Amino acid sequence: MTVDRADGDVRRAIRDAMDRLIAGKPLHSDGKLTIKSLAEEAGVKRWLLTHRHTDLQAEFRARISNTDTPPALVALRDERDDAQR
């Protein structure tokens, strides 16, 4: 089975976007850990994740479930706690 060069680039972009979102360092999205944000972060249409690259969608969900609290959420909680004090 041969992989189309463009398809390989798309998969690489999606995996890079996963890494950024999970690390809490989004460049092109709101940083939420959703499929919509993953697509925005990768610069691809959402249907590519929901119909063509379903394995990457499942990988993203698995990585989220195995990840501690995202750094962005920790920062928001810290800000809230500071404001309450």
N, C-alpha and C. Protein backbone atom coordinates (compact mmCIF):
# COMPACT_ATOMS: atom_id res chain seq x y z
N MET A 1 0.85 -1.18 0.00
CA MET A 1 0.00 0.00 0.00
C MET A 1 0.89 1.23 0.00
N THR A 2 0.67 2.11 -0.94
CA THR A 2 1.44 3.35 -1.00
C THR A 2 0.66 4.47 -0.35
N VAL A 3 1.37 5.37 0.28
CA VAL A 3 0.74 6.51 0.93
C VAL A 3 1.00 7.74 0.09
N ASP A 4 -0.07 8.45 -0.24
CA ASP A 4 0.04 9.69 -1.00
C ASP A 4 0.87 10.69 -0.19
N ARG A 5 1.76 11.38 -0.86
CA ARG A 5 2.63 12.36 -0.19
C ARG A 5 1.80 13.39 0.56
N ALA A 6 0.74 13.89 -0.04
CA ALA A 6 -0.10 14.88 0.62
C ALA A 6 -0.76 14.28 1.86
N ASP A 7 -1.17 13.02 1.76
CA ASP A 7 -1.78 12.34 2.89
C ASP A 7 -0.79 12.23 4.05
N GLY A 8 0.44 11.92 3.75
CA GLY A 8 1.47 11.85 4.78
C GLY A 8 1.71 13.19 5.44
N ASP A 9 1.66 14.26 4.66
CA ASP A 9 1.82 15.62 5.21
C ASP A 9 0.66 15.97 6.14
N VAL A 10 -0.54 15.58 5.74
CA VAL A 10 -1.71 15.85 6.56
C VAL A 10 -1.60 15.10 7.89
N ARG A 11 -1.22 13.84 7.83
CA ARG A 11 -1.08 13.04 9.05
C ARG A 11 -0.01 13.64 9.97
N ARG A 12 1.07 14.10 9.40
CA ARG A 12 2.14 14.70 10.20
C ARG A 12 1.65 16.00 10.84
N ALA A 13 0.89 16.80 10.09
CA ALA A 13 0.35 18.05 10.62
C ALA A 13 -0.61 17.77 11.77
N ILE A 14 -1.42 16.73 11.64
CA ILE A 14 -2.37 16.39 12.70
C ILE A 14 -1.62 15.93 13.96
N ARG A 15 -0.62 15.10 13.78
CA ARG A 15 0.14 14.63 14.95
C ARG A 15 0.89 15.79 15.62
N ASP A 16 1.44 16.70 14.83
CA ASP A 16 2.12 17.87 15.41
C ASP A 16 1.12 18.72 16.19
N ALA A 17 -0.09 18.87 15.63
CA ALA A 17 -1.13 19.63 16.31
C ALA A 17 -1.54 18.96 17.62
N MET A 18 -1.60 17.64 17.62
CA MET A 18 -1.91 16.90 18.86
C MET A 18 -0.89 17.25 19.94
N ASP A 19 0.38 17.20 19.56
CA ASP A 19 1.45 17.49 20.52
C ASP A 19 1.30 18.89 21.11
N ARG A 20 1.01 19.87 20.25
CA ARG A 20 0.87 21.25 20.72
C ARG A 20 -0.34 21.40 21.65
N LEU A 21 -1.47 20.81 21.27
CA LEU A 21 -2.67 20.95 22.10
C LEU A 21 -2.48 20.28 23.46
N ILE A 22 -1.93 19.10 23.46
CA ILE A 22 -1.74 18.38 24.72
C ILE A 22 -0.72 19.09 25.60
N ALA A 23 0.27 19.73 24.99
CA ALA A 23 1.26 20.48 25.75
C ALA A 23 0.72 21.83 26.21
N GLY A 24 -0.45 22.22 25.72
CA GLY A 24 -1.03 23.50 26.09
C GLY A 24 -0.40 24.67 25.39
N LYS A 25 0.15 24.43 24.18
CA LYS A 25 0.80 25.50 23.42
C LYS A 25 0.25 25.60 22.01
N PRO A 26 -1.05 25.90 21.89
CA PRO A 26 -1.65 25.99 20.55
C PRO A 26 -1.15 27.22 19.80
N LEU A 27 -1.07 27.08 18.49
CA LEU A 27 -0.66 28.18 17.62
C LEU A 27 -1.82 28.70 16.77
N HIS A 28 -2.75 27.82 16.42
CA HIS A 28 -3.78 28.19 15.45
C HIS A 28 -5.21 27.91 15.91
N SER A 29 -5.40 27.59 17.19
CA SER A 29 -6.75 27.27 17.67
C SER A 29 -6.95 27.82 19.06
N ASP A 30 -8.12 27.52 19.63
CA ASP A 30 -8.43 28.01 20.98
C ASP A 30 -7.77 27.16 22.07
N GLY A 31 -7.15 26.06 21.70
CA GLY A 31 -6.43 25.23 22.66
C GLY A 31 -7.27 24.19 23.36
N LYS A 32 -8.56 24.13 23.06
CA LYS A 32 -9.42 23.11 23.67
C LYS A 32 -9.03 21.74 23.14
N LEU A 33 -9.24 20.74 23.97
CA LEU A 33 -8.89 19.38 23.57
C LEU A 33 -10.09 18.71 22.90
N THR A 34 -10.45 19.25 21.75
CA THR A 34 -11.58 18.74 20.97
C THR A 34 -11.12 18.43 19.56
N ILE A 35 -11.91 17.64 18.87
CA ILE A 35 -11.59 17.31 17.48
C ILE A 35 -11.65 18.56 16.62
N LYS A 36 -12.60 19.43 16.90
CA LYS A 36 -12.70 20.69 16.15
C LYS A 36 -11.42 21.51 16.31
N SER A 37 -10.95 21.64 17.54
CA SER A 37 -9.72 22.41 17.78
C SER A 37 -8.51 21.72 17.18
N LEU A 38 -8.50 20.40 17.22
CA LEU A 38 -7.39 19.65 16.61
C LEU A 38 -7.33 19.94 15.11
N ALA A 39 -8.47 19.92 14.46
CA ALA A 39 -8.51 20.22 13.03
C ALA A 39 -8.04 21.64 12.75
N GLU A 40 -8.52 22.60 13.55
CA GLU A 40 -8.08 24.00 13.37
C GLU A 40 -6.58 24.13 13.58
N GLU A 41 -6.09 23.48 14.62
CA GLU A 41 -4.66 23.55 14.94
C GLU A 41 -3.81 22.95 13.83
N ALA A 42 -4.30 21.87 13.22
CA ALA A 42 -3.56 21.21 12.14
C ALA A 42 -3.74 21.90 10.80
N GLY A 43 -4.74 22.78 10.71
CA GLY A 43 -5.00 23.45 9.44
C GLY A 43 -5.65 22.54 8.42
N VAL A 44 -6.49 21.62 8.91
CA VAL A 44 -7.20 20.70 8.01
C VAL A 44 -8.70 20.78 8.29
N LYS A 45 -9.48 20.29 7.37
CA LYS A 45 -10.92 20.26 7.56
C LYS A 45 -11.26 19.16 8.56
N ARG A 46 -12.28 19.42 9.37
CA ARG A 46 -12.65 18.47 10.43
C ARG A 46 -13.04 17.11 9.86
N TRP A 47 -13.66 17.07 8.69
CA TRP A 47 -14.10 15.80 8.14
C TRP A 47 -12.93 14.85 7.88
N LEU A 48 -11.72 15.40 7.69
CA LEU A 48 -10.57 14.52 7.51
C LEU A 48 -10.33 13.67 8.75
N LEU A 49 -10.60 14.23 9.92
CA LEU A 49 -10.43 13.47 11.16
C LEU A 49 -11.61 12.55 11.42
N THR A 50 -12.80 12.99 11.07
CA THR A 50 -13.98 12.20 11.39
C THR A 50 -14.31 11.13 10.35
N HIS A 51 -13.73 11.24 9.15
CA HIS A 51 -14.05 10.28 8.11
C HIS A 51 -12.84 9.58 7.49
N ARG A 52 -11.76 10.29 7.29
CA ARG A 52 -10.61 9.69 6.60
C ARG A 52 -9.55 9.18 7.58
N HIS A 53 -9.21 9.98 8.56
CA HIS A 53 -8.15 9.61 9.50
C HIS A 53 -8.74 9.31 10.88
N THR A 54 -9.67 8.38 10.90
CA THR A 54 -10.34 8.05 12.16
C THR A 54 -9.36 7.45 13.18
N ASP A 55 -8.29 6.84 12.68
CA ASP A 55 -7.29 6.30 13.60
C ASP A 55 -6.60 7.42 14.37
N LEU A 56 -6.37 8.56 13.72
CA LEU A 56 -5.76 9.68 14.40
C LEU A 56 -6.73 10.32 15.39
N GLN A 57 -8.01 10.31 15.06
CA GLN A 57 -9.02 10.81 15.98
C GLN A 57 -9.01 9.94 17.24
N ALA A 58 -8.97 8.63 17.06
CA ALA A 58 -8.94 7.72 18.21
C ALA A 58 -7.65 7.88 19.00
N GLU A 59 -6.54 8.09 18.31
CA GLU A 59 -5.26 8.30 18.98
C GLU A 59 -5.31 9.57 19.84
N PHE A 60 -5.89 10.62 19.32
CA PHE A 60 -6.00 11.88 20.06
C PHE A 60 -6.83 11.68 21.33
N ARG A 61 -7.97 11.01 21.19
CA ARG A 61 -8.83 10.77 22.35
C ARG A 61 -8.12 9.91 23.39
N ALA A 62 -7.36 8.92 22.93
CA ALA A 62 -6.62 8.07 23.86
C ALA A 62 -5.53 8.86 24.58
N ARG A 63 -4.84 9.70 23.84
CA ARG A 63 -3.78 10.50 24.45
C ARG A 63 -4.36 11.48 25.47
N ILE A 64 -5.52 12.03 25.20
CA ILE A 64 -6.16 12.94 26.14
C ILE A 64 -6.52 12.20 27.42
N SER A 65 -7.08 11.01 27.27
CA SER A 65 -7.51 10.27 28.46
C SER A 65 -6.32 9.81 29.30
N ASN A 66 -5.14 9.69 28.70
CA ASN A 66 -3.95 9.27 29.43
C ASN A 66 -3.08 10.44 29.88
N THR A 67 -3.59 11.66 29.70
CA THR A 67 -2.81 12.85 30.01
C THR A 67 -3.31 13.46 31.31
N ASP A 68 -2.38 14.01 32.07
CA ASP A 68 -2.77 14.76 33.26
C ASP A 68 -3.50 16.02 32.83
N THR A 69 -3.90 16.81 33.77
CA THR A 69 -4.59 18.06 33.48
C THR A 69 -3.74 18.92 32.56
N PRO A 70 -4.33 19.41 31.46
CA PRO A 70 -3.58 20.25 30.52
C PRO A 70 -3.02 21.49 31.19
N PRO A 71 -1.83 21.91 30.81
CA PRO A 71 -1.22 23.10 31.41
C PRO A 71 -2.09 24.35 31.31
N ALA A 72 -2.82 24.50 30.23
CA ALA A 72 -3.68 25.67 30.07
C ALA A 72 -4.77 25.68 31.15
N LEU A 73 -5.31 24.52 31.46
CA LEU A 73 -6.34 24.44 32.49
C LEU A 73 -5.75 24.70 33.87
N VAL A 74 -4.55 24.21 34.12
CA VAL A 74 -3.87 24.48 35.39
C VAL A 74 -3.66 25.98 35.56
N ALA A 75 -3.24 26.65 34.50
CA ALA A 75 -3.01 28.09 34.55
C ALA A 75 -4.31 28.84 34.85
N LEU A 76 -5.41 28.42 34.22
CA LEU A 76 -6.70 29.06 34.48
C LEU A 76 -7.15 28.85 35.91
N ARG A 77 -6.93 27.66 36.44
CA ARG A 77 -7.30 27.40 37.83
C ARG A 77 -6.47 28.25 38.78
N ASP A 78 -5.18 28.40 38.46
CA ASP A 78 -4.31 29.24 39.29
C ASP A 78 -4.78 30.69 39.28
N GLU A 79 -5.16 31.19 38.10
CA GLU A 79 -5.65 32.57 37.99
C GLU A 79 -6.94 32.75 38.80
N ARG A 80 -7.83 31.76 38.72
CA ARG A 80 -9.08 31.81 39.47
C ARG A 80 -8.80 31.85 40.97
N ASP A 81 -7.89 30.98 41.41
CA ASP A 81 -7.55 30.94 42.83
C ASP A 81 -6.95 32.26 43.29
N ASP A 82 -6.09 32.85 42.47
CA ASP A 82 -5.50 34.15 42.82
C ASP A 82 -6.58 35.23 42.91
N ALA A 83 -7.53 35.20 41.99
CA ALA A 83 -8.59 36.20 41.99
C ALA A 83 -9.48 36.03 43.22
N GLN A 84 -9.70 34.80 43.65
CA GLN A 84 -10.54 34.57 44.82
C GLN A 84 -9.85 35.05 46.10
N ARG A 85 -8.52 34.96 46.12
CA ARG A 85 -7.78 35.43 47.29
C ARG A 85 -7.84 36.94 47.33
